[in-house]
């Protein structure tokens, strides 16, 4: 018997409890999501990889993730949940939390989470209780910070040794899109920031590759910021380059979060193609 993921209201700051209560009623049963679940399950075969974009800690996005993961659990998939929001060098703290060896406060201190990240704690606990695995996927914070400040060429030998094997920057199209969202007047700074973005993508893909090599029959669900997912330019591209397939993508975003020049093409861009295999755009449009 599977244990359904539920998100507990008493884990949240009092200011968000009212919002949480309404979302528990409305968001989890959104007709659009309910309509897309069968197709998503059909496309995401057991043993494949599902990448779900999000605005971090957004409750609307979290409840969609919960419903999707519950559907996979009901189907009988063996689930591994990969988190962008935990660096790989914090895997030990994550394991200790799931095994009850450290408490919630010790875990949050170790991974530098605060109470706004409580939306993920019930999710990872339930994955664990269903005999699943939870993976810390992101690059170590110190490495990513060094790349953002100094670039790849100025890393120390120790830092270079921490890079994913055969690390490469993302495509020219990805860099163009990144530049439209993170503008800067200094080209060197822009290059370094883009390199750090690509390190996020490739490090997560590398960790996913290692897991799938050892657990090919497990369904890997990756939760990541939506920019990494959209148009398959970031993380999905790196997964493909590292031989992780098939990959299904879900994009969740808010219309007003998009750069103005992208809004007319939010679901299909003439240069980059479809935003994702399954798309949820929230918020009022202009």
C-alpha atoms as a PDB file:
ATOM      1  CA  UNK A   1       0.000   0.000   0.000  1.00  0.00           C
ATOM      2  CA  UNK A   2       1.370   3.368  -0.965  1.00  0.00           C
ATOM      3  CA  UNK A   3       1.388   6.397   1.296  1.00  0.00           C
ATOM      4  CA  UNK A   4      -0.098   9.439  -0.384  1.00  0.00           C
ATOM      5  CA  UNK A   5       1.862  12.678  -0.129  1.00  0.00           C
ATOM      6  CA  UNK A   6       0.074  15.268   1.966  1.00  0.00           C
ATOM      7  CA  UNK A   7       1.400  18.692   2.866  1.00  0.00           C
ATOM      8  CA  UNK A   8       0.781  19.585   6.487  1.00  0.00           C
ATOM      9  CA  UNK A   9      -0.498  23.043   7.315  1.00  0.00           C
ATOM     10  CA  UNK A  10       1.234  23.146  10.687  1.00  0.00           C
ATOM     11  CA  UNK A  11       4.591  23.183   8.940  1.00  0.00           C
ATOM     12  CA  UNK A  12       3.925  26.608   7.453  1.00  0.00           C
ATOM     13  CA  UNK A  13       4.247  30.155   8.664  1.00  0.00           C
ATOM     14  CA  UNK A  14       0.815  31.368   9.913  1.00  0.00           C
ATOM     15  CA  UNK A  15       0.666  33.996   7.176  1.00  0.00           C
ATOM     16  CA  UNK A  16       0.415  31.348   4.451  1.00  0.00           C
ATOM     17  CA  UNK A  17      -1.987  28.921   6.139  1.00  0.00           C
ATOM     18  CA  UNK A  18      -5.094  30.550   4.643  1.00  0.00           C
ATOM     19  CA  UNK A  19      -3.574  30.450   1.165  1.00  0.00           C
ATOM     20  CA  UNK A  20      -2.470  26.865   1.692  1.00  0.00           C
ATOM     21  CA  UNK A  21      -5.965  25.794   2.740  1.00  0.00           C
ATOM     22  CA  UNK A  22      -7.532  27.194  -0.419  1.00  0.00           C
ATOM     23  CA  UNK A  23      -4.858  25.586  -2.597  1.00  0.00           C
ATOM     24  CA  UNK A  24      -5.431  22.193  -1.003  1.00  0.00           C
ATOM     25  CA  UNK A  25      -9.004  22.400  -2.227  1.00  0.00           C
ATOM     26  CA  UNK A  26      -8.592  24.010  -5.630  1.00  0.00           C
ATOM     27  CA  UNK A  27      -5.139  23.404  -7.021  1.00  0.00           C
ATOM     28  CA  UNK A  28      -4.879  19.665  -6.439  1.00  0.00           C
ATOM     29  CA  UNK A  29      -8.083  19.127  -8.436  1.00  0.00           C
ATOM     30  CA  UNK A  30      -7.437  21.650 -11.203  1.00  0.00           C
ATOM     31  CA  UNK A  31      -9.226  20.314 -14.327  1.00  0.00           C
ATOM     32  CA  UNK A  32      -6.233  21.166 -16.535  1.00  0.00           C
ATOM     33  CA  UNK A  33      -3.953  19.039 -14.388  1.00  0.00           C
ATOM     34  CA  UNK A  34      -6.496  16.230 -14.138  1.00  0.00           C
ATOM     35  CA  UNK A  35      -6.885  16.241 -17.904  1.00  0.00           C
ATOM     36  CA  UNK A  36      -3.133  16.037 -18.484  1.00  0.00           C
ATOM     37  CA  UNK A  37      -2.259  13.358 -15.919  1.00  0.00           C
ATOM     38  CA  UNK A  38      -3.212  10.377 -18.167  1.00  0.00           C
ATOM     39  CA  UNK A  39      -1.118  11.683 -21.052  1.00  0.00           C
ATOM     40  CA  UNK A  40       1.760  12.473 -18.730  1.00  0.00           C
ATOM     41  CA  UNK A  41       1.698   8.939 -17.307  1.00  0.00           C
ATOM     42  CA  UNK A  42       1.591   7.472 -20.788  1.00  0.00           C
ATOM     43  CA  UNK A  43       4.595   9.526 -21.909  1.00  0.00           C
ATOM     44  CA  UNK A  44       6.534   8.963 -18.662  1.00  0.00           C
ATOM     45  CA  UNK A  45       7.012   5.224 -18.719  1.00  0.00           C
ATOM     46  CA  UNK A  46       8.331   3.468 -15.593  1.00  0.00           C
ATOM     47  CA  UNK A  47      12.096   3.835 -15.542  1.00  0.00           C
ATOM     48  CA  UNK A  48      12.179   7.125 -17.429  1.00  0.00           C
ATOM     49  CA  UNK A  49      13.039  10.624 -16.208  1.00  0.00           C
ATOM     50  CA  UNK A  50      10.536  13.395 -15.525  1.00  0.00           C
ATOM     51  CA  UNK A  51      11.776  16.978 -15.099  1.00  0.00           C
ATOM     52  CA  UNK A  52       9.280  19.364 -13.483  1.00  0.00           C
ATOM     53  CA  UNK A  53       9.949  23.091 -13.516  1.00  0.00           C
ATOM     54  CA  UNK A  54       8.757  25.379 -10.767  1.00  0.00           C
ATOM     55  CA  UNK A  55       8.956  28.751  -9.136  1.00  0.00           C
ATOM     56  CA  UNK A  56      10.728  27.640  -5.978  1.00  0.00           C
ATOM     57  CA  UNK A  57       8.481  27.262  -2.896  1.00  0.00           C
ATOM     58  CA  UNK A  58       5.384  28.294  -4.870  1.00  0.00           C
ATOM     59  CA  UNK A  59       2.409  26.426  -3.429  1.00  0.00           C
ATOM     60  CA  UNK A  60       0.504  26.186  -6.703  1.00  0.00           C
ATOM     61  CA  UNK A  61       3.467  24.502  -8.344  1.00  0.00           C
ATOM     62  CA  UNK A  62       4.143  22.280  -5.349  1.00  0.00           C
ATOM     63  CA  UNK A  63       0.613  20.873  -5.392  1.00  0.00           C
ATOM     64  CA  UNK A  64       0.860  19.967  -9.047  1.00  0.00           C
ATOM     65  CA  UNK A  65       4.127  18.187  -8.305  1.00  0.00           C
ATOM     66  CA  UNK A  66       2.475  16.333  -5.440  1.00  0.00           C
ATOM     67  CA  UNK A  67      -0.400  15.154  -7.622  1.00  0.00           C
ATOM     68  CA  UNK A  68       1.953  14.008 -10.372  1.00  0.00           C
ATOM     69  CA  UNK A  69       4.187  12.122  -7.940  1.00  0.00           C
ATOM     70  CA  UNK A  70       1.156  10.531  -6.239  1.00  0.00           C
ATOM     71  CA  UNK A  71      -0.030   9.319  -9.656  1.00  0.00           C
ATOM     72  CA  UNK A  72       3.355   7.706 -10.296  1.00  0.00           C
ATOM     73  CA  UNK A  73       3.302   6.064  -6.864  1.00  0.00           C
ATOM     74  CA  UNK A  74      -0.227   4.736  -7.440  1.00  0.00           C
ATOM     75  CA  UNK A  75       0.979   3.233 -10.714  1.00  0.00           C
ATOM     76  CA  UNK A  76       3.617   1.328  -8.769  1.00  0.00           C
ATOM     77  CA  UNK A  77       6.749   3.142  -9.958  1.00  0.00           C
ATOM     78  CA  UNK A  78       9.869   3.026  -7.847  1.00  0.00           C
ATOM     79  CA  UNK A  79      10.500   6.731  -7.370  1.00  0.00           C
ATOM     80  CA  UNK A  80      13.666   8.719  -6.883  1.00  0.00           C
ATOM     81  CA  UNK A  81      13.191  12.440  -6.318  1.00  0.00           C
ATOM     82  CA  UNK A  82      16.055  14.696  -7.400  1.00  0.00           C
ATOM     83  CA  UNK A  83      16.267  18.190  -5.917  1.00  0.00           C
ATOM     84  CA  UNK A  84      17.973  21.226  -7.385  1.00  0.00           C
ATOM     85  CA  UNK A  85      17.500  22.926  -4.012  1.00  0.00           C
ATOM     86  CA  UNK A  86      19.974  20.651  -2.212  1.00  0.00           C
ATOM     87  CA  UNK A  87      23.654  20.627  -3.182  1.00  0.00           C
ATOM     88  CA  UNK A  88      25.230  17.237  -3.744  1.00  0.00           C
ATOM     89  CA  UNK A  89      27.687  17.677  -0.884  1.00  0.00           C
ATOM     90  CA  UNK A  90      24.656  17.853   1.458  1.00  0.00           C
ATOM     91  CA  UNK A  91      23.454  14.351   0.557  1.00  0.00           C
ATOM     92  CA  UNK A  92      24.609  13.005   3.924  1.00  0.00           C
ATOM     93  CA  UNK A  93      22.517  15.580   5.813  1.00  0.00           C
ATOM     94  CA  UNK A  94      19.526  14.765   3.604  1.00  0.00           C
ATOM     95  CA  UNK A  95      19.906  11.040   4.301  1.00  0.00           C
ATOM     96  CA  UNK A  96      20.285  11.642   8.036  1.00  0.00           C
ATOM     97  CA  UNK A  97      17.088  13.726   8.088  1.00  0.00           C
ATOM     98  CA  UNK A  98      15.111  11.067   6.238  1.00  0.00           C
ATOM     99  CA  UNK A  99      16.434   8.358   8.560  1.00  0.00           C
ATOM    100  CA  UNK A 100      15.526  10.376  11.672  1.00  0.00           C
ATOM    101  CA  UNK A 101      19.128  10.852  12.769  1.00  0.00           C
ATOM    102  CA  UNK A 102      18.844  14.647  12.734  1.00  0.00           C
ATOM    103  CA  UNK A 103      15.774  16.777  13.321  1.00  0.00           C
ATOM    104  CA  UNK A 104      14.131  19.326  11.070  1.00  0.00           C
ATOM    105  CA  UNK A 105      16.029  22.294  12.448  1.00  0.00           C
ATOM    106  CA  UNK A 106      19.399  20.555  12.110  1.00  0.00           C
ATOM    107  CA  UNK A 107      18.533  19.594   8.543  1.00  0.00           C
ATOM    108  CA  UNK A 108      17.501  23.116   7.595  1.00  0.00           C
ATOM    109  CA  UNK A 109      20.690  24.521   9.051  1.00  0.00           C
ATOM    110  CA  UNK A 110      22.807  21.995   7.149  1.00  0.00           C
ATOM    111  CA  UNK A 111      21.190  22.680   3.758  1.00  0.00           C
ATOM    112  CA  UNK A 112      20.527  26.387   4.393  1.00  0.00           C
ATOM    113  CA  UNK A 113      16.752  26.112   4.121  1.00  0.00           C
ATOM    114  CA  UNK A 114      14.299  28.238   6.075  1.00  0.00           C
ATOM    115  CA  UNK A 115      10.632  27.682   6.873  1.00  0.00           C
ATOM    116  CA  UNK A 116       9.544  28.708   3.362  1.00  0.00           C
ATOM    117  CA  UNK A 117      11.067  25.441   2.125  1.00  0.00           C
ATOM    118  CA  UNK A 118       8.784  23.392   4.367  1.00  0.00           C
ATOM    119  CA  UNK A 119       6.649  22.681   1.311  1.00  0.00           C
ATOM    120  CA  UNK A 120       9.244  20.092   0.271  1.00  0.00           C
ATOM    121  CA  UNK A 121       9.691  18.338   3.611  1.00  0.00           C
ATOM    122  CA  UNK A 122       6.452  16.324   3.562  1.00  0.00           C
ATOM    123  CA  UNK A 123       7.163  15.402  -0.051  1.00  0.00           C
ATOM    124  CA  UNK A 124      10.621  13.985   0.601  1.00  0.00           C
ATOM    125  CA  UNK A 125       9.487  12.219   3.767  1.00  0.00           C
ATOM    126  CA  UNK A 126       6.696  10.463   1.858  1.00  0.00           C
ATOM    127  CA  UNK A 127       8.999   9.460  -0.992  1.00  0.00           C
ATOM    128  CA  UNK A 128      11.299   7.917   1.628  1.00  0.00           C
ATOM    129  CA  UNK A 129       8.433   6.150   3.419  1.00  0.00           C
ATOM    130  CA  UNK A 130       7.397   4.618   0.079  1.00  0.00           C
ATOM    131  CA  UNK A 131      10.877   3.058  -0.175  1.00  0.00           C
ATOM    132  CA  UNK A 132      12.003   5.710  -2.642  1.00  0.00           C
ATOM    133  CA  UNK A 133      15.186   7.715  -2.759  1.00  0.00           C
ATOM    134  CA  UNK A 134      15.809  11.448  -2.499  1.00  0.00           C
ATOM    135  CA  UNK A 135      18.843  12.866  -4.283  1.00  0.00           C
ATOM    136  CA  UNK A 136      20.769  16.077  -3.734  1.00  0.00           C
ATOM    137  CA  UNK A 137      21.591  17.056  -7.315  1.00  0.00           C
ATOM    138  CA  UNK A 138      23.032  20.550  -7.421  1.00  0.00           C
ATOM    139  CA  UNK A 139      26.665  21.576  -7.568  1.00  0.00           C
ATOM    140  CA  UNK A 140      28.379  22.537  -4.297  1.00  0.00           C
ATOM    141  CA  UNK A 141      27.593  26.150  -3.468  1.00  0.00           C
ATOM    142  CA  UNK A 142      31.260  27.112  -3.130  1.00  0.00           C
ATOM    143  CA  UNK A 143      32.033  25.774  -6.620  1.00  0.00           C
ATOM    144  CA  UNK A 144      29.123  27.537  -8.242  1.00  0.00           C
ATOM    145  CA  UNK A 145      29.978  30.789  -6.488  1.00  0.00           C
ATOM    146  CA  UNK A 146      33.590  30.551  -7.688  1.00  0.00           C
ATOM    147  CA  UNK A 147      32.470  30.080 -11.286  1.00  0.00           C
ATOM    148  CA  UNK A 148      30.018  32.988 -11.073  1.00  0.00           C
ATOM    149  CA  UNK A 149      32.711  35.300  -9.681  1.00  0.00           C
ATOM    150  CA  UNK A 150      35.806  34.240 -11.601  1.00  0.00           C
ATOM    151  CA  UNK A 151      34.779  32.025 -14.491  1.00  0.00           C
ATOM    152  CA  UNK A 152      35.845  28.500 -15.396  1.00  0.00           C
ATOM    153  CA  UNK A 153      39.361  29.450 -16.511  1.00  0.00           C
ATOM    154  CA  UNK A 154      40.292  30.853 -13.095  1.00  0.00           C
ATOM    155  CA  UNK A 155      39.276  27.897 -10.970  1.00  0.00           C
ATOM    156  CA  UNK A 156      41.854  26.197  -8.764  1.00  0.00           C
ATOM    157  CA  UNK A 157      42.987  22.648  -9.531  1.00  0.00           C
ATOM    158  CA  UNK A 158      40.808  21.372  -6.702  1.00  0.00           C
ATOM    159  CA  UNK A 159      37.788  23.219  -8.057  1.00  0.00           C
ATOM    160  CA  UNK A 160      38.420  21.955 -11.580  1.00  0.00           C
ATOM    161  CA  UNK A 161      38.471  18.409 -10.208  1.00  0.00           C
ATOM    162  CA  UNK A 162      34.927  18.981  -8.889  1.00  0.00           C
ATOM    163  CA  UNK A 163      33.498  19.847 -12.299  1.00  0.00           C
ATOM    164  CA  UNK A 164      31.370  17.245 -14.070  1.00  0.00           C
ATOM    165  CA  UNK A 165      33.398  15.112 -16.511  1.00  0.00           C
ATOM    166  CA  UNK A 166      33.510  16.685 -19.974  1.00  0.00           C
ATOM    167  CA  UNK A 167      31.748  19.800 -18.720  1.00  0.00           C
ATOM    168  CA  UNK A 168      30.492  22.034 -21.514  1.00  0.00           C
ATOM    169  CA  UNK A 169      28.675  25.327 -21.674  1.00  0.00           C
ATOM    170  CA  UNK A 170      25.114  25.388 -22.944  1.00  0.00           C
ATOM    171  CA  UNK A 171      24.116  26.231 -26.501  1.00  0.00           C
ATOM    172  CA  UNK A 172      24.240  29.648 -28.124  1.00  0.00           C
ATOM    173  CA  UNK A 173      20.429  29.791 -28.029  1.00  0.00           C
ATOM    174  CA  UNK A 174      20.476  29.089 -24.293  1.00  0.00           C
ATOM    175  CA  UNK A 175      23.002  31.869 -23.778  1.00  0.00           C
ATOM    176  CA  UNK A 176      20.832  34.292 -25.745  1.00  0.00           C
ATOM    177  CA  UNK A 177      17.825  33.449 -23.609  1.00  0.00           C
ATOM    178  CA  UNK A 178      19.869  33.713 -20.418  1.00  0.00           C
ATOM    179  CA  UNK A 179      21.161  37.128 -21.459  1.00  0.00           C
ATOM    180  CA  UNK A 180      17.606  38.330 -21.924  1.00  0.00           C
ATOM    181  CA  UNK A 181      16.727  37.409 -18.352  1.00  0.00           C
ATOM    182  CA  UNK A 182      19.993  38.291 -16.568  1.00  0.00           C
ATOM    183  CA  UNK A 183      21.253  41.387 -18.397  1.00  0.00           C
ATOM    184  CA  UNK A 184      24.584  42.943 -17.498  1.00  0.00           C
ATOM    185  CA  UNK A 185      26.762  45.680 -18.943  1.00  0.00           C
ATOM    186  CA  UNK A 186      29.941  43.677 -18.395  1.00  0.00           C
ATOM    187  CA  UNK A 187      30.492  40.880 -20.903  1.00  0.00           C
ATOM    188  CA  UNK A 188      32.926  39.006 -18.662  1.00  0.00           C
ATOM    189  CA  UNK A 189      30.425  39.050 -15.817  1.00  0.00           C
ATOM    190  CA  UNK A 190      27.717  37.825 -18.181  1.00  0.00           C
ATOM    191  CA  UNK A 191      29.930  34.965 -19.367  1.00  0.00           C
ATOM    192  CA  UNK A 192      30.718  33.938 -15.800  1.00  0.00           C
ATOM    193  CA  UNK A 193      27.070  33.992 -14.755  1.00  0.00           C
ATOM    194  CA  UNK A 194      26.130  31.912 -17.778  1.00  0.00           C
ATOM    195  CA  UNK A 195      28.892  29.438 -16.956  1.00  0.00           C
ATOM    196  CA  UNK A 196      27.512  29.124 -13.421  1.00  0.00           C
ATOM    197  CA  UNK A 197      24.021  28.522 -14.842  1.00  0.00           C
ATOM    198  CA  UNK A 198      25.389  25.805 -17.111  1.00  0.00           C
ATOM    199  CA  UNK A 199      27.254  24.258 -14.189  1.00  0.00           C
ATOM    200  CA  UNK A 200      23.942  23.915 -12.355  1.00  0.00           C
ATOM    201  CA  UNK A 201      22.425  22.156 -15.359  1.00  0.00           C
ATOM    202  CA  UNK A 202      25.332  19.848 -16.088  1.00  0.00           C
ATOM    203  CA  UNK A 203      26.017  18.951 -12.477  1.00  0.00           C
ATOM    204  CA  UNK A 204      22.387  17.898 -12.002  1.00  0.00           C
ATOM    205  CA  UNK A 205      22.523  15.934 -15.257  1.00  0.00           C
ATOM    206  CA  UNK A 206      25.750  14.236 -14.141  1.00  0.00           C
ATOM    207  CA  UNK A 207      24.230  13.156 -10.835  1.00  0.00           C
ATOM    208  CA  UNK A 208      21.128  11.919 -12.658  1.00  0.00           C
ATOM    209  CA  UNK A 209      23.304   9.981 -15.086  1.00  0.00           C
ATOM    210  CA  UNK A 210      25.129   8.234 -12.254  1.00  0.00           C
ATOM    211  CA  UNK A 211      21.883   7.326 -10.519  1.00  0.00           C
ATOM    212  CA  UNK A 212      20.213   6.001 -13.662  1.00  0.00           C
ATOM    213  CA  UNK A 213      23.276   3.911 -14.527  1.00  0.00           C
ATOM    214  CA  UNK A 214      22.825   2.064 -11.225  1.00  0.00           C
ATOM    215  CA  UNK A 215      19.007   2.146 -11.105  1.00  0.00           C
ATOM    216  CA  UNK A 216      17.739   1.945 -14.708  1.00  0.00           C
ATOM    217  CA  UNK A 217      14.288   0.698 -13.674  1.00  0.00           C
ATOM    218  CA  UNK A 218      13.570   3.580 -11.293  1.00  0.00           C
ATOM    219  CA  UNK A 219      11.527   6.605 -12.349  1.00  0.00           C
ATOM    220  CA  UNK A 220      13.561   9.712 -11.614  1.00  0.00           C
ATOM    221  CA  UNK A 221      11.573  12.892 -10.915  1.00  0.00           C
ATOM    222  CA  UNK A 222      13.665  16.078 -10.891  1.00  0.00           C
ATOM    223  CA  UNK A 223      12.342  19.322  -9.400  1.00  0.00           C
ATOM    224  CA  UNK A 224      14.123  22.353 -10.766  1.00  0.00           C
ATOM    225  CA  UNK A 225      13.621  26.032 -11.354  1.00  0.00           C
ATOM    226  CA  UNK A 226      11.612  26.458 -14.540  1.00  0.00           C
ATOM    227  CA  UNK A 227      14.325  28.392 -16.403  1.00  0.00           C
ATOM    228  CA  UNK A 228      16.457  25.234 -16.320  1.00  0.00           C
ATOM    229  CA  UNK A 229      13.574  23.335 -17.954  1.00  0.00           C
ATOM    230  CA  UNK A 230      11.880  25.724 -20.403  1.00  0.00           C
ATOM    231  CA  UNK A 231      12.321  25.013 -24.125  1.00  0.00           C
ATOM    232  CA  UNK A 232      14.605  22.103 -23.130  1.00  0.00           C
ATOM    233  CA  UNK A 233      17.628  24.394 -23.497  1.00  0.00           C
ATOM    234  CA  UNK A 234      19.134  23.802 -20.061  1.00  0.00           C
ATOM    235  CA  UNK A 235      18.829  20.673 -17.922  1.00  0.00           C
ATOM    236  CA  UNK A 236      16.947  18.524 -20.493  1.00  0.00           C
ATOM    237  CA  UNK A 237      19.657  19.240 -23.063  1.00  0.00           C
ATOM    238  CA  UNK A 238      22.389  18.223 -20.622  1.00  0.00           C
ATOM    239  CA  UNK A 239      20.507  15.047 -19.680  1.00  0.00           C
ATOM    240  CA  UNK A 240      20.323  14.135 -23.351  1.00  0.00           C
ATOM    241  CA  UNK A 241      24.042  14.844 -23.826  1.00  0.00           C
ATOM    242  CA  UNK A 242      24.808  12.540 -20.916  1.00  0.00           C
ATOM    243  CA  UNK A 243      22.667   9.722 -22.273  1.00  0.00           C
ATOM    244  CA  UNK A 244      19.758  10.029 -19.846  1.00  0.00           C
ATOM    245  CA  UNK A 245      16.593   9.231 -21.799  1.00  0.00           C
ATOM    246  CA  UNK A 246      13.708   9.175 -22.298  1.00  0.00           C
ATOM    247  CA  UNK A 247      13.026  12.509 -20.593  1.00  0.00           C
ATOM    248  CA  UNK A 248       9.603  14.126 -20.171  1.00  0.00           C
ATOM    249  CA  UNK A 249       9.433  17.826 -19.294  1.00  0.00           C
ATOM    250  CA  UNK A 250       6.800  19.795 -17.391  1.00  0.00           C
ATOM    251  CA  UNK A 251       7.015  23.588 -17.333  1.00  0.00           C
ATOM    252  CA  UNK A 252       5.274  25.597 -14.629  1.00  0.00           C
ATOM    253  CA  UNK A 253       5.552  29.348 -14.717  1.00  0.00           C
ATOM    254  CA  UNK A 254       3.696  32.614 -14.302  1.00  0.00           C
ATOM    255  CA  UNK A 255       2.898  34.706 -17.332  1.00  0.00           C
ATOM    256  CA  UNK A 256       4.199  37.904 -15.742  1.00  0.00           C
ATOM    257  CA  UNK A 257       7.487  36.204 -14.813  1.00  0.00           C
ATOM    258  CA  UNK A 258       8.394  35.964 -18.485  1.00  0.00           C
ATOM    259  CA  UNK A 259      10.511  38.552 -20.304  1.00  0.00           C
ATOM    260  CA  UNK A 260       8.211  40.824 -22.277  1.00  0.00           C
ATOM    261  CA  UNK A 261       9.672  39.687 -25.607  1.00  0.00           C
ATOM    262  CA  UNK A 262       8.920  36.032 -24.777  1.00  0.00           C
ATOM    263  CA  UNK A 263       5.293  36.415 -23.699  1.00  0.00           C
ATOM    264  CA  UNK A 264       3.790  36.068 -27.190  1.00  0.00           C
ATOM    265  CA  UNK A 265       5.674  32.766 -27.568  1.00  0.00           C
ATOM    266  CA  UNK A 266       5.249  31.408 -24.059  1.00  0.00           C
ATOM    267  CA  UNK A 267       4.129  27.950 -25.211  1.00  0.00           C
ATOM    268  CA  UNK A 268       5.958  27.704 -28.535  1.00  0.00           C
ATOM    269  CA  UNK A 269       8.909  29.835 -29.551  1.00  0.00           C
ATOM    270  CA  UNK A 270       9.798  30.161 -33.260  1.00  0.00           C
ATOM    271  CA  UNK A 271      13.529  29.623 -32.502  1.00  0.00           C
ATOM    272  CA  UNK A 272      13.425  27.261 -29.537  1.00  0.00           C
ATOM    273  CA  UNK A 273      10.309  25.204 -30.235  1.00  0.00           C
ATOM    274  CA  UNK A 274       7.775  23.982 -27.634  1.00  0.00           C
ATOM    275  CA  UNK A 275       8.288  25.129 -24.063  1.00  0.00           C
ATOM    276  CA  UNK A 276       7.861  21.613 -22.686  1.00  0.00           C
ATOM    277  CA  UNK A 277       5.936  18.390 -23.174  1.00  0.00           C
ATOM    278  CA  UNK A 278       3.346  19.598 -20.640  1.00  0.00           C
ATOM    279  CA  UNK A 279       2.810  23.271 -19.853  1.00  0.00           C
ATOM    280  CA  UNK A 280       1.078  25.095 -16.992  1.00  0.00           C
ATOM    281  CA  UNK A 281       1.069  28.900 -17.201  1.00  0.00           C
ATOM    282  CA  UNK A 282      -0.422  30.600 -14.161  1.00  0.00           C
ATOM    283  CA  UNK A 283      -1.535  34.150 -13.491  1.00  0.00           C
ATOM    284  CA  UNK A 284      -3.439  36.706 -15.510  1.00  0.00           C
ATOM    285  CA  UNK A 285      -2.247  37.592 -18.970  1.00  0.00           C
ATOM    286  CA  UNK A 286      -2.146  41.114 -20.293  1.00  0.00           C
END
